[in-house]
Protein backbone atom coordinates (compact mmCIF):
# COMPACT_ATOMS: atom_id res chain seq x y z
CA MET A 1 15.30 44.81 167.84
CA TYR A 2 19.06 44.82 168.07
CA LEU A 3 20.69 48.17 167.30
CA GLN A 4 24.32 49.16 167.32
CA GLN A 5 25.35 52.71 166.55
CA GLU A 6 28.93 52.43 165.24
CA LEU A 7 29.36 53.75 161.71
CA THR A 8 30.03 50.82 159.42
CA ASP A 9 29.41 49.92 155.80
CA GLY A 10 27.39 46.91 154.72
CA TYR A 11 24.23 45.77 152.96
CA VAL A 12 20.59 46.66 153.45
CA CYS A 13 17.82 44.37 152.27
CA ALA A 14 14.41 46.06 152.16
CA PRO A 15 11.22 44.35 150.92
CA TYR A 16 9.94 45.62 147.59
CA MET A 17 6.15 45.57 147.90
CA HIS A 18 5.19 47.86 144.97
CA ASN A 19 3.64 50.26 147.47
CA HIS A 20 4.33 53.94 148.22
CA ASP A 21 6.93 53.31 150.93
CA SER A 22 8.88 50.80 148.80
CA ILE A 23 8.92 53.10 145.77
CA GLU A 24 9.88 56.19 147.76
CA LEU A 25 12.70 54.36 149.58
CA LYS A 26 14.01 53.03 146.26
CA ASP A 27 14.01 56.57 144.80
CA ILE A 28 15.84 57.98 147.83
CA TRP A 29 18.52 55.32 147.58
CA SER A 30 18.82 55.81 143.81
CA HIS A 31 19.96 59.40 144.42
CA SER A 32 21.88 58.83 147.66
CA LYS A 33 25.66 59.19 147.79
CA ASN A 34 25.53 56.76 150.70
CA ILE A 35 24.43 53.94 148.37
CA GLN A 36 27.26 52.50 146.28
CA ARG A 37 25.31 49.81 144.43
CA MET A 38 21.68 48.72 144.37
CA TYR A 39 19.96 45.61 143.03
CA PHE A 40 16.55 44.00 142.68
CA VAL A 41 16.82 40.49 144.14
CA THR A 42 14.92 37.30 144.87
CA ALA A 43 15.41 36.09 148.45
CA THR A 44 15.45 32.44 149.51
CA PHE A 45 15.47 31.97 153.27
CA SER A 46 16.82 28.76 154.77
CA ASN A 47 14.56 26.38 156.66
CA GLU A 48 16.56 27.09 159.80
CA THR A 49 15.75 30.81 159.75
CA LYS A 50 12.16 30.85 158.45
CA PRO A 51 10.65 30.45 161.96
CA TYR A 52 12.46 33.64 163.07
CA PHE A 53 11.44 35.71 160.05
CA ALA A 54 7.90 34.61 159.26
CA SER A 55 7.14 38.02 157.72
CA CYS A 56 9.91 37.83 155.13
CA ALA A 57 9.24 38.72 151.48
CA ASN A 58 10.21 37.14 148.15
CA HIS A 59 11.58 40.25 146.46
CA TYR A 60 13.90 42.83 147.99
CA ILE A 61 15.93 45.88 147.15
CA LEU A 62 19.52 45.04 148.08
CA ALA A 63 21.81 48.05 148.50
CA LYS A 64 25.43 48.35 149.49
CA PHE A 65 25.91 51.37 151.77
CA LYS A 66 28.77 53.33 153.33
CA ASP A 67 27.12 54.72 156.49
CA ASN A 68 24.78 52.51 158.48
CA LYS A 69 23.43 55.39 160.60
CA LYS A 70 21.71 56.91 157.58
CA ILE A 71 20.24 53.54 156.65
CA LEU A 72 18.90 53.02 160.17
CA LYS A 73 17.07 56.37 160.01
CA GLU A 74 15.64 55.70 156.54
CA LEU A 75 14.35 52.24 157.41
CA ASP A 76 12.84 53.55 160.63
CA LYS A 77 10.96 56.15 158.57
CA PHE A 78 9.73 53.64 155.97
CA LYS A 79 8.94 50.63 158.15
CA GLN A 80 6.85 47.94 156.48
CA ASP A 81 4.99 44.83 157.59
CA LYS A 82 7.60 42.62 155.92
CA VAL A 83 10.95 42.54 157.68
CA SER A 84 13.97 44.55 156.47
CA PHE A 85 17.53 43.49 157.21
CA ILE A 86 20.76 45.45 157.69
CA PHE A 87 23.96 43.44 157.48
CA ASN A 88 26.60 45.69 159.04
CA MET A 89 30.12 44.66 158.04
CA ASP A 90 32.29 45.23 161.11
CA ASP A 91 35.32 43.59 159.46
CA ASP A 92 36.25 42.70 155.91
CA LEU A 93 37.67 39.20 155.62
CA PHE A 94 38.92 40.10 152.13
CA GLU A 95 37.99 41.98 148.95
CA ARG A 96 39.42 41.35 145.46
CA GLU A 97 38.74 41.62 141.75
CA THR A 98 36.74 38.77 140.18
CA GLU A 99 35.71 37.92 136.64
CA GLY A 100 32.22 39.09 135.73
CA SER A 101 29.78 41.10 137.81
CA VAL A 102 28.20 40.25 141.15
CA ASN A 103 25.07 38.14 140.61
CA PHE A 104 24.60 36.49 143.99
CA VAL A 105 24.93 37.48 147.66
CA SER A 106 24.82 34.76 150.28
CA VAL A 107 24.38 35.48 154.00
CA TYR A 108 25.32 33.08 156.78
CA TYR A 109 25.66 33.03 160.54
CA LEU A 110 28.18 31.31 162.80
CA GLU A 111 26.44 29.39 165.57
CA TYR A 112 29.39 29.01 167.92
CA GLY A 113 32.51 30.47 166.31
CA ASP A 114 33.20 34.03 167.36
CA SER A 115 36.91 34.12 168.17
CA ILE A 116 39.63 35.74 166.07
CA ASP A 117 40.97 32.27 165.22
CA ASP A 118 37.51 31.19 164.02
CA PHE A 119 37.19 34.26 161.79
CA ARG A 120 40.68 33.66 160.40
CA GLU A 121 39.80 30.05 159.63
CA VAL A 122 36.59 31.09 157.87
CA ALA A 123 38.55 33.65 155.80
CA ASN A 124 41.18 31.07 154.83
CA VAL A 125 38.54 28.65 153.54
CA ILE A 126 36.49 31.27 151.68
CA ALA A 127 39.57 32.88 150.09
CA LYS A 128 40.20 29.67 148.13
CA ARG A 129 36.89 30.15 146.29
CA VAL A 130 37.85 32.35 143.34
CA LYS A 131 34.30 33.47 142.47
CA ILE A 132 33.87 35.18 145.84
CA GLY A 133 34.94 38.81 145.44
CA ARG A 134 34.17 40.08 148.91
CA ALA A 135 33.61 38.46 152.29
CA GLY A 136 32.76 40.32 155.46
CA ILE A 137 31.72 39.54 158.99
CA GLY A 138 29.47 41.65 161.20
CA HIS A 139 26.11 42.00 162.90
CA MET A 140 22.49 42.20 161.79
CA ASP A 141 19.73 44.69 162.59
CA ILE A 142 16.09 44.12 161.60
CA PHE A 143 13.14 46.46 161.06
CA SER A 144 9.44 45.65 160.80
CA ASN A 145 6.05 46.96 161.90
CA GLU A 146 5.45 43.54 163.39
CA PRO A 147 8.25 42.41 165.71
CA PRO A 148 9.27 38.74 165.27
CA LYS A 149 7.85 36.18 167.68
CA PHE A 150 11.29 34.77 168.36
CA THR A 151 14.58 36.64 168.78
CA PHE A 152 17.20 35.49 166.30
CA PRO A 153 20.12 34.37 168.54
CA TYR A 154 23.01 34.73 166.07
CA SER A 155 22.73 38.38 165.01
CA ASP A 156 26.27 39.17 166.16
CA ASN A 157 28.02 36.62 163.90
CA ILE A 158 26.86 37.33 160.34
CA VAL A 159 28.98 36.40 157.30
CA VAL A 160 28.22 37.93 153.88
CA LEU A 161 29.69 36.68 150.59
CA GLU A 162 29.54 38.48 147.22
CA VAL A 163 29.75 36.02 144.33
CA SER A 164 30.47 36.79 140.66
CA SER A 165 29.41 34.20 138.11
CA GLU A 166 27.66 33.91 134.76
CA LYS A 167 26.14 30.59 135.74
CA SER A 168 22.59 29.87 136.92
CA TYR A 169 21.23 30.58 140.39
CA GLN A 170 21.20 26.85 141.12
CA SER A 171 24.85 26.48 140.12
CA VAL A 172 26.01 29.46 142.20
CA ASN A 173 23.93 28.28 145.15
CA GLN A 174 25.67 24.88 144.98
CA TYR A 175 29.03 26.67 144.83
CA CYS A 176 28.17 28.57 148.03
CA GLU A 177 26.85 25.43 149.70
CA LYS A 178 30.14 23.64 149.02
CA THR A 179 31.97 26.62 150.52
CA ARG A 180 29.75 26.42 153.62
CA ARG A 181 30.46 22.70 154.00
CA ASP A 182 34.20 23.32 153.70
CA VAL A 183 33.96 25.78 156.61
CA CYS A 184 31.95 23.28 158.66
CA ARG A 185 34.63 20.63 158.12
CA LYS A 186 36.97 22.91 160.06
CA GLY A 187 34.70 22.52 163.08
CA ILE A 188 32.94 25.86 162.66
CA THR A 189 29.15 25.69 162.27
CA MET A 190 28.24 28.13 159.48
CA THR A 191 24.55 28.07 158.49
CA ASN A 192 22.78 29.77 155.61
CA LEU A 193 20.44 32.61 156.58
CA VAL A 194 19.33 33.87 153.16
CA SER A 195 20.46 33.63 149.55
CA LEU A 196 19.93 36.69 147.35
CA SER A 197 19.85 36.14 143.61
CA ILE A 198 20.35 39.39 141.66
CA LEU A 199 17.70 39.92 138.96
CA ASP A 200 18.53 43.48 137.95
CA THR A 201 21.06 46.21 138.71
CA LEU A 202 19.33 49.44 139.78
CA LYS A 203 22.38 51.57 140.49
């Protein structure tokens, strides 16, 4: 498990299993000042990442947090068999107002690009996509009772996009896929890790 202790904001994605630990964690986050927003989401993992996260779930609680240290402690206390993810945003690429509310969060990783110029190029491409309200780059931590068989090699180069749209999941997914291809045309290999479709706003 990869752990980094700097205080950063970001997103936590914890499996919702309708068991005691899931319900208690959800209640804690509902009343936590550390949690800015919280959603119930459906997760679709890419074929490239499924071998690394065989114990992934279909439904997750997605929460946007301010202090990753508190999240690390809470997930460590409520570990589950299905894997939980923390996407720590070390740097914001940009944040802006968009029409409508966030209904989709897409997470990617950069396979080779990790220089300042690469990050700037990624930001320039993504900024042209008006439905993307926030884009950040950072690192990923994972928690599970059962450690993965294979270590995910790209945990240090995670890109997270918040998308606002009234259109269907399929339409927004295509929008994100086109954005990904535009980045790849710049010579930077950006691959989808997981797509999170928001079903309900919890906080």
